Every structure is written in structure tokens, then in C-alpha cells.
Amino acid sequence: MPKHNVITSSPEDAKELSRLIFASGQETFEKVFNPANLDHATSRQKVLDYLFISLGQPEGQFGYSNQYIIKHDAKVIACGSCWTSSVSDTFKQSTLRSLIDYFGVLETAVILNNNTKLARLIMPPQSDELGVGHIAVAVQHRREGLATTLLEWFKQHAIESGKRALSLQVVDGNLAALRLYQKFGFERVKLVQPEADAIELGLQPHVHMRLELN
């Protein structure tokens, strides 16, 4: 099996990368980023369009400089992102600006409210942790060890950054992801149940997992 390198994405990767990021949490994206209660197909396309535009910019949650990818034959076949407990003002402002520019002020307010409900299900990384998320592998390249390659890269990145652990969140019903992370060495820390407003939005319980680094 060929060795794959993990690299930082660029604007040229936006089309393929937007689809992979969407696939990493499709149901959650459709719940949180659907302020106008659009039908499934329209909502999906709006999220994809937003991700595509955001990935053309360097900063923000979905800025290209915050996405790490594996490519094969010049195509993005796997992706992931990471963050720490310290989020810069530039990151926050860029994320907010990207939302307002695409969705407008009123719909952005609804998205931010939805995101608050989601945030209560997610335990942010502690000061000694590197948070990992949005890991996805193209369907035709699954079972090639690409997710493990990404996790190994994040593990080394965390060690080089002086962190003591990796942390991540998984929807409780995502058995394939849970098995992958447990096989890699992650342990279940806590199951977080959605509150009433999150249940109404359609959000599911999340499992918080942590991997101690040696």
C-alpha cells in the first residue's frame, strides 16, 4: 500500500474538500445550517456552497489553512481538522464574516443559535489537548488506512505542540467511527445527552473521547 502524506489544503482543493467535510457530519450540518427550513436537497446544496466559498479563504473554521488532507492523483481523498483551547480573534471574526457574507445577518443569527445547542453536546479541548474533527475519507478509498494516517499525523502534531492528549466527539450512533477511534486507542470519557431544544432540532447524543499521548 503506498505511503500517503498529510498536507495543508489550498483553495484549489475546495470542491472535493467541501464534499468530504460535509460527509464528515452530514446530518449535523443539515440541522445546524438550515435556518430557513429548506427541503433536504436545497439545504444540502446550500451547505456545500457555503463550505466551498469558505474553503477559498485562509482563515475561519472552514478556512483552507485549518484543513489537513491526503491527496491521490491530484484529488483530495481524505481530510481532517484540529484546534486547541485557544481560538484567536481572527479565527472567530473570519468564521462570523463567512457566515454573514453567505447567509445574511438574520439567517446567521439562527445558525449561531443552532450552533449553541450543538456546542452543549461538545466538550472543547482542554489546554493540554489537541481537538480533532471533520475526519472523512472518500468512499472509494475507505479501508485503506487513511483515517489512521490522519490520526497518526494529528498525534505527532499534538506531541510537537506540547499537548498531552487528543480529544474528539462522535455521534453516539456512529458505530464505525467509534470502532475506528477505539482501535486507535481513544477511550470513551463521557456520553453527553442533548437538551430539549437540541432534541427538537434533531441533534443526537455525542460521545467525548480522549487519547493519552506517551
N, C-alpha and C. Protein backbone atom coordinates (compact mmCIF):
# COMPACT_ATOMS: atom_id res chain seq x y z
N MET A 1 0.85 -1.20 0.00
CA MET A 1 0.00 0.00 0.00
C MET A 1 0.88 1.25 0.00
N PRO A 2 0.65 2.21 -0.89
CA PRO A 2 1.51 3.38 -0.97
C PRO A 2 1.41 4.25 0.27
N LYS A 3 2.51 4.94 0.58
CA LYS A 3 2.53 5.85 1.72
C LYS A 3 1.85 7.15 1.31
N HIS A 4 0.96 7.64 2.19
CA HIS A 4 0.25 8.89 1.91
C HIS A 4 0.73 9.98 2.86
N ASN A 5 0.96 11.17 2.33
CA ASN A 5 1.38 12.30 3.13
C ASN A 5 0.19 13.19 3.47
N VAL A 6 0.19 13.72 4.67
CA VAL A 6 -0.82 14.68 5.09
C VAL A 6 -0.28 16.08 4.86
N ILE A 7 -1.05 16.90 4.17
CA ILE A 7 -0.63 18.26 3.85
C ILE A 7 -1.75 19.24 4.18
N THR A 8 -1.40 20.52 4.28
CA THR A 8 -2.40 21.56 4.46
C THR A 8 -3.11 21.81 3.13
N SER A 9 -4.42 22.00 3.17
CA SER A 9 -5.17 22.20 1.93
C SER A 9 -4.90 23.58 1.34
N SER A 10 -5.35 23.77 0.11
CA SER A 10 -5.22 25.04 -0.58
C SER A 10 -6.57 25.37 -1.22
N PRO A 11 -6.76 26.60 -1.71
CA PRO A 11 -8.05 26.95 -2.33
C PRO A 11 -8.44 26.04 -3.49
N GLU A 12 -7.44 25.49 -4.19
CA GLU A 12 -7.73 24.63 -5.33
C GLU A 12 -8.41 23.31 -4.93
N ASP A 13 -8.37 22.98 -3.63
CA ASP A 13 -8.97 21.74 -3.14
C ASP A 13 -10.43 21.91 -2.74
N ALA A 14 -10.97 23.11 -2.85
CA ALA A 14 -12.27 23.44 -2.24
C ALA A 14 -13.42 22.55 -2.70
N LYS A 15 -13.49 22.24 -3.98
CA LYS A 15 -14.65 21.48 -4.47
C LYS A 15 -14.71 20.09 -3.86
N GLU A 16 -13.61 19.34 -3.94
CA GLU A 16 -13.60 17.99 -3.39
C GLU A 16 -13.63 18.02 -1.87
N LEU A 17 -12.91 18.97 -1.27
CA LEU A 17 -12.82 19.04 0.18
C LEU A 17 -14.16 19.41 0.81
N SER A 18 -14.91 20.30 0.16
CA SER A 18 -16.22 20.68 0.72
C SER A 18 -17.14 19.47 0.84
N ARG A 19 -17.08 18.57 -0.13
CA ARG A 19 -17.93 17.37 -0.10
C ARG A 19 -17.50 16.43 1.01
N LEU A 20 -16.19 16.30 1.23
CA LEU A 20 -15.71 15.42 2.29
C LEU A 20 -16.05 15.97 3.67
N ILE A 21 -15.85 17.27 3.87
CA ILE A 21 -16.20 17.86 5.16
C ILE A 21 -17.68 17.69 5.44
N PHE A 22 -18.50 17.91 4.43
CA PHE A 22 -19.94 17.71 4.59
C PHE A 22 -20.25 16.27 4.98
N ALA A 23 -19.56 15.33 4.35
CA ALA A 23 -19.79 13.91 4.64
C ALA A 23 -19.36 13.54 6.05
N SER A 24 -18.45 14.32 6.65
CA SER A 24 -17.98 14.01 7.99
C SER A 24 -19.06 14.20 9.05
N GLY A 25 -20.10 14.94 8.72
CA GLY A 25 -21.18 15.16 9.69
C GLY A 25 -22.43 15.67 9.00
N GLN A 26 -22.86 14.94 7.97
CA GLN A 26 -23.93 15.41 7.11
C GLN A 26 -25.20 15.77 7.87
N GLU A 27 -25.67 14.90 8.75
CA GLU A 27 -26.93 15.18 9.45
C GLU A 27 -26.80 16.41 10.33
N THR A 28 -25.68 16.56 11.00
CA THR A 28 -25.48 17.72 11.86
C THR A 28 -25.42 19.00 11.05
N PHE A 29 -24.68 18.98 9.93
CA PHE A 29 -24.63 20.15 9.06
C PHE A 29 -26.03 20.55 8.61
N GLU A 30 -26.83 19.58 8.21
CA GLU A 30 -28.17 19.88 7.69
C GLU A 30 -29.09 20.42 8.77
N LYS A 31 -28.85 20.03 10.02
CA LYS A 31 -29.68 20.54 11.12
C LYS A 31 -29.26 21.95 11.51
N VAL A 32 -27.97 22.17 11.64
CA VAL A 32 -27.46 23.45 12.15
C VAL A 32 -27.48 24.54 11.08
N PHE A 33 -27.15 24.17 9.82
CA PHE A 33 -27.02 25.16 8.75
C PHE A 33 -28.25 25.21 7.86
N ASN A 34 -29.41 25.08 8.44
CA ASN A 34 -30.66 25.18 7.66
C ASN A 34 -31.62 26.14 8.34
N PRO A 35 -31.24 27.42 8.41
CA PRO A 35 -32.05 28.39 9.15
C PRO A 35 -33.41 28.67 8.53
N ALA A 36 -33.58 28.40 7.24
CA ALA A 36 -34.84 28.69 6.57
C ALA A 36 -35.72 27.45 6.41
N ASN A 37 -35.33 26.34 7.06
CA ASN A 37 -36.10 25.09 6.99
C ASN A 37 -36.35 24.67 5.54
N LEU A 38 -35.29 24.64 4.77
CA LEU A 38 -35.39 24.27 3.37
C LEU A 38 -35.53 22.76 3.22
N ASP A 39 -35.96 22.31 2.05
CA ASP A 39 -36.04 20.88 1.80
C ASP A 39 -34.64 20.28 1.77
N HIS A 40 -34.57 18.96 1.87
CA HIS A 40 -33.29 18.26 2.02
C HIS A 40 -32.29 18.62 0.92
N ALA A 41 -32.71 18.54 -0.33
CA ALA A 41 -31.80 18.76 -1.44
C ALA A 41 -31.28 20.20 -1.46
N THR A 42 -32.17 21.15 -1.23
CA THR A 42 -31.77 22.55 -1.25
C THR A 42 -30.85 22.88 -0.08
N SER A 43 -31.19 22.34 1.09
CA SER A 43 -30.36 22.57 2.28
C SER A 43 -28.96 22.00 2.07
N ARG A 44 -28.89 20.80 1.53
CA ARG A 44 -27.60 20.16 1.29
C ARG A 44 -26.74 21.02 0.35
N GLN A 45 -27.35 21.53 -0.72
CA GLN A 45 -26.59 22.31 -1.69
C GLN A 45 -26.11 23.62 -1.08
N LYS A 46 -26.94 24.24 -0.22
CA LYS A 46 -26.53 25.50 0.40
C LYS A 46 -25.33 25.28 1.32
N VAL A 47 -25.35 24.20 2.08
CA VAL A 47 -24.21 23.91 2.95
C VAL A 47 -22.96 23.67 2.12
N LEU A 48 -23.08 22.89 1.05
CA LEU A 48 -21.94 22.62 0.18
C LEU A 48 -21.40 23.91 -0.44
N ASP A 49 -22.30 24.78 -0.87
CA ASP A 49 -21.87 26.06 -1.45
C ASP A 49 -21.15 26.91 -0.42
N TYR A 50 -21.69 26.93 0.80
CA TYR A 50 -21.05 27.71 1.87
C TYR A 50 -19.65 27.17 2.17
N LEU A 51 -19.53 25.86 2.29
CA LEU A 51 -18.23 25.27 2.56
C LEU A 51 -17.25 25.56 1.43
N PHE A 52 -17.72 25.45 0.19
CA PHE A 52 -16.86 25.71 -0.97
C PHE A 52 -16.32 27.14 -0.92
N ILE A 53 -17.17 28.11 -0.65
CA ILE A 53 -16.74 29.51 -0.59
C ILE A 53 -15.78 29.73 0.57
N SER A 54 -16.11 29.15 1.74
CA SER A 54 -15.28 29.33 2.93
C SER A 54 -13.88 28.75 2.72
N LEU A 55 -13.81 27.62 2.00
CA LEU A 55 -12.52 26.96 1.77
C LEU A 55 -11.65 27.72 0.78
N GLY A 56 -12.19 28.77 0.20
CA GLY A 56 -11.40 29.63 -0.67
C GLY A 56 -10.66 30.71 0.11
N GLN A 57 -10.94 30.80 1.43
CA GLN A 57 -10.30 31.78 2.29
C GLN A 57 -9.39 31.07 3.28
N PRO A 58 -8.32 31.74 3.72
CA PRO A 58 -7.36 31.04 4.61
C PRO A 58 -7.84 30.86 6.04
N GLU A 59 -8.62 31.81 6.58
CA GLU A 59 -8.95 31.78 8.00
C GLU A 59 -10.40 31.34 8.25
N GLY A 60 -10.71 31.12 9.53
CA GLY A 60 -12.06 30.72 9.93
C GLY A 60 -12.16 29.22 10.11
N GLN A 61 -13.29 28.78 10.66
CA GLN A 61 -13.46 27.36 10.96
C GLN A 61 -13.25 26.48 9.73
N PHE A 62 -13.73 26.96 8.57
CA PHE A 62 -13.60 26.17 7.35
C PHE A 62 -12.63 26.81 6.36
N GLY A 63 -11.74 27.64 6.86
CA GLY A 63 -10.69 28.19 6.01
C GLY A 63 -9.72 27.11 5.61
N TYR A 64 -9.11 27.24 4.43
CA TYR A 64 -8.27 26.17 3.91
C TYR A 64 -7.03 25.91 4.76
N SER A 65 -6.55 26.94 5.48
CA SER A 65 -5.33 26.74 6.28
C SER A 65 -5.59 25.90 7.52
N ASN A 66 -6.86 25.65 7.84
CA ASN A 66 -7.20 24.84 9.01
C ASN A 66 -7.64 23.43 8.65
N GLN A 67 -7.46 23.05 7.39
CA GLN A 67 -7.86 21.71 6.93
C GLN A 67 -6.62 20.94 6.49
N TYR A 68 -6.58 19.69 6.86
CA TYR A 68 -5.44 18.84 6.53
C TYR A 68 -5.93 17.66 5.69
N ILE A 69 -5.22 17.39 4.62
CA ILE A 69 -5.77 16.47 3.61
C ILE A 69 -4.74 15.44 3.15
N ILE A 70 -5.27 14.40 2.52
CA ILE A 70 -4.46 13.42 1.81
C ILE A 70 -4.95 13.43 0.36
N LYS A 71 -4.01 13.47 -0.58
CA LYS A 71 -4.38 13.51 -1.99
C LYS A 71 -3.82 12.28 -2.72
N HIS A 72 -4.53 11.89 -3.77
CA HIS A 72 -4.09 10.80 -4.64
C HIS A 72 -4.48 11.16 -6.06
N ASP A 73 -3.51 11.11 -6.97
CA ASP A 73 -3.76 11.53 -8.35
C ASP A 73 -4.35 12.93 -8.40
N ALA A 74 -3.81 13.82 -7.56
CA ALA A 74 -4.19 15.23 -7.51
C ALA A 74 -5.60 15.47 -6.98
N LYS A 75 -6.23 14.44 -6.40
CA LYS A 75 -7.58 14.59 -5.85
C LYS A 75 -7.55 14.39 -4.34
N VAL A 76 -8.38 15.16 -3.62
CA VAL A 76 -8.49 15.01 -2.17
C VAL A 76 -9.27 13.74 -1.86
N ILE A 77 -8.66 12.84 -1.09
CA ILE A 77 -9.33 11.57 -0.78
C ILE A 77 -9.58 11.39 0.71
N ALA A 78 -9.04 12.29 1.55
CA ALA A 78 -9.28 12.21 2.99
C ALA A 78 -8.98 13.57 3.60
N CYS A 79 -9.64 13.85 4.72
CA CYS A 79 -9.45 15.16 5.35
C CYS A 79 -9.70 15.09 6.85
N GLY A 80 -9.23 16.11 7.54
CA GLY A 80 -9.47 16.27 8.96
C GLY A 80 -9.05 17.66 9.37
N SER A 81 -9.45 18.07 10.57
CA SER A 81 -9.03 19.38 11.07
C SER A 81 -8.72 19.25 12.56
N CYS A 82 -8.07 20.26 13.09
CA CYS A 82 -7.73 20.23 14.51
C CYS A 82 -7.72 21.64 15.07
N TRP A 83 -7.80 21.74 16.39
CA TRP A 83 -7.82 23.05 17.04
C TRP A 83 -7.43 22.88 18.50
N THR A 84 -7.15 23.97 19.15
CA THR A 84 -6.75 23.95 20.56
C THR A 84 -7.78 24.72 21.38
N SER A 85 -7.52 24.82 22.68
CA SER A 85 -8.44 25.54 23.57
C SER A 85 -8.37 27.04 23.34
N SER A 86 -7.29 27.50 22.72
CA SER A 86 -7.11 28.93 22.46
C SER A 86 -7.46 29.25 21.01
N VAL A 87 -8.59 29.93 20.83
CA VAL A 87 -9.06 30.29 19.49
C VAL A 87 -8.84 31.79 19.29
N SER A 88 -8.15 32.15 18.23
CA SER A 88 -7.79 33.56 18.01
C SER A 88 -9.02 34.39 17.60
N ASP A 89 -8.91 35.68 17.83
CA ASP A 89 -9.97 36.60 17.41
C ASP A 89 -10.12 36.58 15.89
N THR A 90 -9.00 36.44 15.18
CA THR A 90 -9.05 36.38 13.72
C THR A 90 -9.87 35.18 13.26
N PHE A 91 -9.68 34.04 13.91
CA PHE A 91 -10.44 32.83 13.60
C PHE A 91 -11.94 33.08 13.80
N LYS A 92 -12.29 33.64 14.94
CA LYS A 92 -13.71 33.90 15.25
C LYS A 92 -14.32 34.90 14.28
N GLN A 93 -13.60 35.98 14.02
CA GLN A 93 -14.12 37.02 13.13
C GLN A 93 -14.26 36.52 11.70
N SER A 94 -13.30 35.73 11.25
CA SER A 94 -13.36 35.19 9.89
C SER A 94 -14.52 34.22 9.74
N THR A 95 -14.76 33.40 10.76
CA THR A 95 -15.89 32.47 10.72
C THR A 95 -17.21 33.23 10.67
N LEU A 96 -17.34 34.23 11.52
CA LEU A 96 -18.58 35.02 11.54
C LEU A 96 -18.78 35.75 10.22
N ARG A 97 -17.72 36.32 9.68
CA ARG A 97 -17.84 37.06 8.42
C ARG A 97 -18.25 36.14 7.28
N SER A 98 -17.70 34.93 7.26
CA SER A 98 -18.07 33.99 6.19
C SER A 98 -19.54 33.63 6.26
N LEU A 99 -20.07 33.49 7.47
CA LEU A 99 -21.49 33.18 7.63
C LEU A 99 -22.38 34.34 7.17
N ILE A 100 -22.04 35.53 7.61
CA ILE A 100 -22.85 36.70 7.25
C ILE A 100 -22.79 36.96 5.75
N ASP A 101 -21.62 36.82 5.16
CA ASP A 101 -21.47 37.07 3.73
C ASP A 101 -22.33 36.12 2.90
N TYR A 102 -22.46 34.88 3.36
CA TYR A 102 -23.22 33.90 2.57
C TYR A 102 -24.70 33.84 2.97
N PHE A 103 -24.97 33.78 4.27
CA PHE A 103 -26.35 33.57 4.71
C PHE A 103 -27.10 34.87 5.04
N GLY A 104 -26.37 35.97 5.25
CA GLY A 104 -27.01 37.19 5.69
C GLY A 104 -27.13 37.23 7.21
N VAL A 105 -27.45 38.41 7.74
CA VAL A 105 -27.45 38.60 9.19
C VAL A 105 -28.52 37.77 9.88
N LEU A 106 -29.74 37.77 9.36
CA LEU A 106 -30.85 37.09 10.05
C LEU A 106 -30.64 35.57 10.08
N GLU A 107 -30.28 34.98 8.95
CA GLU A 107 -30.08 33.53 8.93
C GLU A 107 -28.84 33.15 9.74
N THR A 108 -27.83 34.01 9.75
CA THR A 108 -26.65 33.74 10.57
C THR A 108 -27.02 33.69 12.04
N ALA A 109 -27.92 34.56 12.47
CA ALA A 109 -28.35 34.55 13.88
C ALA A 109 -29.00 33.21 14.24
N VAL A 110 -29.79 32.67 13.32
CA VAL A 110 -30.43 31.36 13.56
C VAL A 110 -29.36 30.26 13.61
N ILE A 111 -28.41 30.30 12.69
CA ILE A 111 -27.33 29.31 12.67
C ILE A 111 -26.53 29.35 13.97
N LEU A 112 -26.20 30.55 14.43
CA LEU A 112 -25.45 30.68 15.68
C LEU A 112 -26.24 30.14 16.87
N ASN A 113 -27.55 30.35 16.86
CA ASN A 113 -28.40 29.80 17.92
C ASN A 113 -28.41 28.28 17.86
N ASN A 114 -28.51 27.74 16.63
CA ASN A 114 -28.45 26.29 16.47
C ASN A 114 -27.11 25.75 16.94
N ASN A 115 -26.05 26.48 16.62
CA ASN A 115 -24.71 26.04 17.00
C ASN A 115 -24.51 26.04 18.51
N THR A 116 -25.19 26.95 19.20
CA THR A 116 -25.14 26.97 20.66
C THR A 116 -25.71 25.69 21.23
N LYS A 117 -26.79 25.21 20.62
CA LYS A 117 -27.40 23.95 21.06
C LYS A 117 -26.45 22.78 20.82
N LEU A 118 -25.75 22.81 19.67
CA LEU A 118 -24.77 21.77 19.37
C LEU A 118 -23.58 21.85 20.32
N ALA A 119 -23.14 23.07 20.62
CA ALA A 119 -21.95 23.27 21.46
C ALA A 119 -22.12 22.64 22.84
N ARG A 120 -23.36 22.58 23.33
CA ARG A 120 -23.59 21.98 24.64
C ARG A 120 -23.37 20.47 24.62
N LEU A 121 -23.31 19.88 23.43
CA LEU A 121 -23.05 18.45 23.29
C LEU A 121 -21.57 18.15 23.10
N ILE A 122 -20.79 19.18 22.91
CA ILE A 122 -19.37 19.01 22.56
C ILE A 122 -18.49 19.59 23.65
N MET A 123 -17.56 18.77 24.13
CA MET A 123 -16.60 19.23 25.14
C MET A 123 -15.38 19.79 24.43
N PRO A 124 -15.15 21.09 24.54
CA PRO A 124 -13.99 21.68 23.84
C PRO A 124 -12.69 21.14 24.40
N PRO A 125 -11.62 21.17 23.59
CA PRO A 125 -10.34 20.68 24.09
C PRO A 125 -9.85 21.47 25.29
N GLN A 126 -9.25 20.76 26.25
CA GLN A 126 -8.62 21.41 27.39
C GLN A 126 -7.25 21.94 26.96
N SER A 127 -6.61 22.66 27.85
CA SER A 127 -5.34 23.29 27.50
C SER A 127 -4.25 22.28 27.13
N ASP A 128 -4.39 21.04 27.63
CA ASP A 128 -3.38 20.02 27.33
C ASP A 128 -3.79 19.12 26.17
N GLU A 129 -4.88 19.46 25.48
CA GLU A 129 -5.42 18.61 24.42
C GLU A 129 -5.37 19.29 23.06
N LEU A 130 -5.26 18.48 22.02
CA LEU A 130 -5.49 18.94 20.65
C LEU A 130 -6.81 18.32 20.21
N GLY A 131 -7.79 19.17 19.88
CA GLY A 131 -9.07 18.67 19.41
C GLY A 131 -8.99 18.29 17.95
N VAL A 132 -9.66 17.20 17.59
CA VAL A 132 -9.64 16.68 16.23
C VAL A 132 -11.08 16.52 15.74
N GLY A 133 -11.32 16.82 14.47
CA GLY A 133 -12.68 16.66 13.96
C GLY A 133 -12.74 16.68 12.45
N HIS A 134 -13.97 16.53 11.93
CA HIS A 134 -14.26 16.55 10.49
C HIS A 134 -13.38 15.57 9.72
N ILE A 135 -13.16 14.41 10.31
CA ILE A 135 -12.38 13.38 9.62
C ILE A 135 -13.29 12.63 8.65
N ALA A 136 -12.87 12.55 7.40
CA ALA A 136 -13.67 11.86 6.39
C ALA A 136 -12.75 11.28 5.33
N VAL A 137 -13.18 10.17 4.75
CA VAL A 137 -12.43 9.50 3.68
C VAL A 137 -13.39 9.26 2.51
N ALA A 138 -12.94 9.55 1.30
CA ALA A 138 -13.75 9.31 0.11
C ALA A 138 -14.17 7.84 0.06
N VAL A 139 -15.40 7.60 -0.35
CA VAL A 139 -15.98 6.25 -0.32
C VAL A 139 -15.08 5.23 -1.02
N GLN A 140 -14.58 5.58 -2.19
CA GLN A 140 -13.78 4.63 -2.98
C GLN A 140 -12.40 4.37 -2.39
N HIS A 141 -12.03 5.10 -1.33
CA HIS A 141 -10.71 4.91 -0.71
C HIS A 141 -10.81 4.47 0.75
N ARG A 142 -11.98 4.03 1.17
CA ARG A 142 -12.11 3.55 2.54
C ARG A 142 -11.45 2.18 2.68
N ARG A 143 -11.10 1.84 3.90
CA ARG A 143 -10.40 0.59 4.24
C ARG A 143 -8.99 0.56 3.66
N GLU A 144 -8.41 1.74 3.45
CA GLU A 144 -7.02 1.83 3.01
C GLU A 144 -6.12 2.39 4.11
N GLY A 145 -6.69 2.59 5.30
CA GLY A 145 -5.90 3.10 6.41
C GLY A 145 -5.70 4.60 6.42
N LEU A 146 -6.50 5.32 5.63
CA LEU A 146 -6.29 6.77 5.51
C LEU A 146 -6.70 7.52 6.78
N ALA A 147 -7.80 7.09 7.42
CA ALA A 147 -8.21 7.73 8.67
C ALA A 147 -7.14 7.53 9.74
N THR A 148 -6.55 6.35 9.77
CA THR A 148 -5.47 6.09 10.73
C THR A 148 -4.26 6.95 10.41
N THR A 149 -3.96 7.13 9.14
CA THR A 149 -2.85 8.01 8.74
C THR A 149 -3.08 9.43 9.24
N LEU A 150 -4.30 9.92 9.09
CA LEU A 150 -4.62 11.26 9.60
C LEU A 150 -4.47 11.33 11.12
N LEU A 151 -4.98 10.32 11.82
CA LEU A 151 -4.88 10.31 13.28
C LEU A 151 -3.42 10.26 13.74
N GLU A 152 -2.60 9.48 13.04
CA GLU A 152 -1.18 9.43 13.38
C GLU A 152 -0.53 10.80 13.18
N TRP A 153 -0.95 11.50 12.12
CA TRP A 153 -0.40 12.84 11.86
C TRP A 153 -0.82 13.81 12.96
N PHE A 154 -2.10 13.76 13.35
CA PHE A 154 -2.58 14.65 14.41
C PHE A 154 -1.89 14.32 15.74
N LYS A 155 -1.65 13.04 15.98
CA LYS A 155 -0.96 12.63 17.20
C LYS A 155 0.43 13.23 17.25
N GLN A 156 1.18 13.14 16.14
CA GLN A 156 2.52 13.70 16.10
C GLN A 156 2.49 15.22 16.21
N HIS A 157 1.50 15.83 15.56
CA HIS A 157 1.35 17.29 15.63
C HIS A 157 1.08 17.73 17.06
N ALA A 158 0.27 16.96 17.77
CA ALA A 158 -0.04 17.28 19.17
C ALA A 158 1.21 17.18 20.03
N ILE A 159 1.99 16.11 19.83
CA ILE A 159 3.23 15.93 20.60
C ILE A 159 4.18 17.08 20.35
N GLU A 160 4.34 17.46 19.07
CA GLU A 160 5.24 18.55 18.73
C GLU A 160 4.75 19.90 19.28
N SER A 161 3.43 19.99 19.53
CA SER A 161 2.85 21.22 20.07
C SER A 161 2.81 21.22 21.59
N GLY A 162 3.35 20.17 22.20
CA GLY A 162 3.41 20.11 23.66
C GLY A 162 2.13 19.66 24.32
N LYS A 163 1.23 19.03 23.57
CA LYS A 163 -0.03 18.56 24.13
C LYS A 163 0.15 17.16 24.72
N ARG A 164 -0.75 16.82 25.64
CA ARG A 164 -0.67 15.52 26.32
C ARG A 164 -1.74 14.55 25.84
N ALA A 165 -2.67 15.05 25.02
CA ALA A 165 -3.76 14.16 24.60
C ALA A 165 -4.43 14.70 23.34
N LEU A 166 -5.09 13.79 22.61
CA LEU A 166 -6.02 14.15 21.55
C LEU A 166 -7.43 13.99 22.10
N SER A 167 -8.36 14.82 21.64
CA SER A 167 -9.76 14.66 22.03
C SER A 167 -10.64 14.83 20.80
N LEU A 168 -11.78 14.18 20.82
CA LEU A 168 -12.73 14.31 19.72
C LEU A 168 -14.13 13.95 20.19
N GLN A 169 -15.11 14.26 19.34
CA GLN A 169 -16.51 13.99 19.62
C GLN A 169 -17.07 13.12 18.50
N VAL A 170 -17.94 12.18 18.88
CA VAL A 170 -18.56 11.29 17.90
C VAL A 170 -20.04 11.17 18.22
N VAL A 171 -20.89 11.24 17.19
CA VAL A 171 -22.31 10.97 17.39
C VAL A 171 -22.44 9.53 17.91
N ASP A 172 -23.22 9.34 18.94
CA ASP A 172 -23.27 8.06 19.64
C ASP A 172 -23.63 6.89 18.72
N GLY A 173 -24.44 7.15 17.70
CA GLY A 173 -24.86 6.06 16.82
C GLY A 173 -23.89 5.75 15.70
N ASN A 174 -22.80 6.49 15.61
CA ASN A 174 -21.82 6.27 14.53
C ASN A 174 -20.86 5.16 14.95
N LEU A 175 -21.32 3.92 14.82
CA LEU A 175 -20.56 2.78 15.32
C LEU A 175 -19.24 2.58 14.60
N ALA A 176 -19.21 2.84 13.30
CA ALA A 176 -17.97 2.66 12.53
C ALA A 176 -16.89 3.60 13.04
N ALA A 177 -17.26 4.86 13.29
CA ALA A 177 -16.29 5.84 13.80
C ALA A 177 -15.85 5.47 15.21
N LEU A 178 -16.78 5.06 16.05
CA LEU A 178 -16.43 4.67 17.42
C LEU A 178 -15.44 3.51 17.42
N ARG A 179 -15.68 2.52 16.56
CA ARG A 179 -14.77 1.38 16.49
C ARG A 179 -13.38 1.82 16.01
N LEU A 180 -13.36 2.71 15.01
CA LEU A 180 -12.08 3.21 14.49
C LEU A 180 -11.27 3.89 15.59
N TYR A 181 -11.91 4.80 16.31
CA TYR A 181 -11.19 5.57 17.31
C TYR A 181 -10.77 4.69 18.49
N GLN A 182 -11.62 3.77 18.89
CA GLN A 182 -11.25 2.88 19.98
C GLN A 182 -10.09 1.98 19.57
N LYS A 183 -10.09 1.52 18.33
CA LYS A 183 -8.99 0.69 17.83
C LYS A 183 -7.68 1.48 17.85
N PHE A 184 -7.77 2.78 17.58
CA PHE A 184 -6.57 3.63 17.57
C PHE A 184 -6.07 3.90 18.99
N GLY A 185 -6.93 3.71 19.98
CA GLY A 185 -6.52 3.92 21.37
C GLY A 185 -7.33 4.93 22.15
N PHE A 186 -8.29 5.59 21.50
CA PHE A 186 -9.15 6.53 22.20
C PHE A 186 -10.03 5.79 23.21
N GLU A 187 -10.30 6.45 24.32
CA GLU A 187 -11.20 5.92 25.33
C GLU A 187 -12.42 6.82 25.47
N ARG A 188 -13.57 6.19 25.70
CA ARG A 188 -14.79 6.97 25.95
C ARG A 188 -14.67 7.66 27.30
N VAL A 189 -14.92 8.97 27.30
CA VAL A 189 -14.84 9.74 28.53
C VAL A 189 -16.23 10.05 29.07
N LYS A 190 -17.13 10.45 28.17
CA LYS A 190 -18.45 10.88 28.62
C LYS A 190 -19.44 10.82 27.47
N LEU A 191 -20.65 10.41 27.79
CA LEU A 191 -21.77 10.49 26.84
C LEU A 191 -22.61 11.70 27.21
N VAL A 192 -22.73 12.65 26.27
CA VAL A 192 -23.46 13.89 26.53
C VAL A 192 -24.81 13.83 25.83
N GLN A 193 -25.88 13.92 26.61
CA GLN A 193 -27.23 13.87 26.07
C GLN A 193 -27.71 15.26 25.65
N PRO A 194 -28.45 15.36 24.55
CA PRO A 194 -28.97 16.67 24.12
C PRO A 194 -30.06 17.17 25.05
N GLU A 195 -30.10 18.48 25.22
CA GLU A 195 -31.18 19.08 25.98
C GLU A 195 -32.42 19.20 25.10
N ALA A 196 -33.51 19.64 25.68
CA ALA A 196 -34.80 19.63 24.98
C ALA A 196 -34.75 20.40 23.66
N ASP A 197 -34.12 21.57 23.65
CA ASP A 197 -34.08 22.37 22.41
C ASP A 197 -33.21 21.71 21.35
N ALA A 198 -32.16 20.99 21.78
CA ALA A 198 -31.31 20.27 20.83
C ALA A 198 -32.04 19.06 20.26
N ILE A 199 -32.83 18.40 21.09
CA ILE A 199 -33.64 17.27 20.61
C ILE A 199 -34.65 17.76 19.58
N GLU A 200 -35.24 18.91 19.85
CA GLU A 200 -36.20 19.49 18.91
C GLU A 200 -35.54 19.80 17.57
N LEU A 201 -34.27 20.20 17.61
CA LEU A 201 -33.53 20.49 16.39
C LEU A 201 -33.14 19.21 15.66
N GLY A 202 -33.16 18.09 16.38
CA GLY A 202 -32.81 16.81 15.77
C GLY A 202 -31.40 16.34 16.06
N LEU A 203 -30.74 16.99 17.03
CA LEU A 203 -29.37 16.61 17.37
C LEU A 203 -29.36 15.36 18.25
N GLN A 204 -28.30 14.57 18.11
CA GLN A 204 -28.19 13.28 18.81
C GLN A 204 -27.13 13.34 19.91
N PRO A 205 -27.16 12.36 20.82
CA PRO A 205 -26.12 12.29 21.86
C PRO A 205 -24.73 12.19 21.24
N HIS A 206 -23.75 12.77 21.93
CA HIS A 206 -22.36 12.73 21.47
C HIS A 206 -21.47 12.06 22.52
N VAL A 207 -20.51 11.30 22.02
CA VAL A 207 -19.53 10.66 22.88
C VAL A 207 -18.23 11.48 22.84
N HIS A 208 -17.76 11.86 24.03
CA HIS A 208 -16.47 12.54 24.11
C HIS A 208 -15.39 11.49 24.34
N MET A 209 -14.32 11.55 23.52
CA MET A 209 -13.25 10.55 23.58
C MET A 209 -11.90 11.25 23.74
N ARG A 210 -10.97 10.53 24.36
CA ARG A 210 -9.65 11.11 24.63
C ARG A 210 -8.58 10.03 24.45
N LEU A 211 -7.47 10.44 23.87
CA LEU A 211 -6.32 9.56 23.69
C LEU A 211 -5.12 10.19 24.41
N GLU A 212 -4.64 9.50 25.42
CA GLU A 212 -3.43 9.96 26.12
C GLU A 212 -2.21 9.73 25.24
N LEU A 213 -1.31 10.71 25.21
CA LEU A 213 -0.10 10.61 24.39
C LEU A 213 1.09 10.24 25.26
N ASN A 214 1.84 9.29 24.83
CA ASN A 214 3.02 8.84 25.59
C ASN A 214 4.25 9.67 25.22
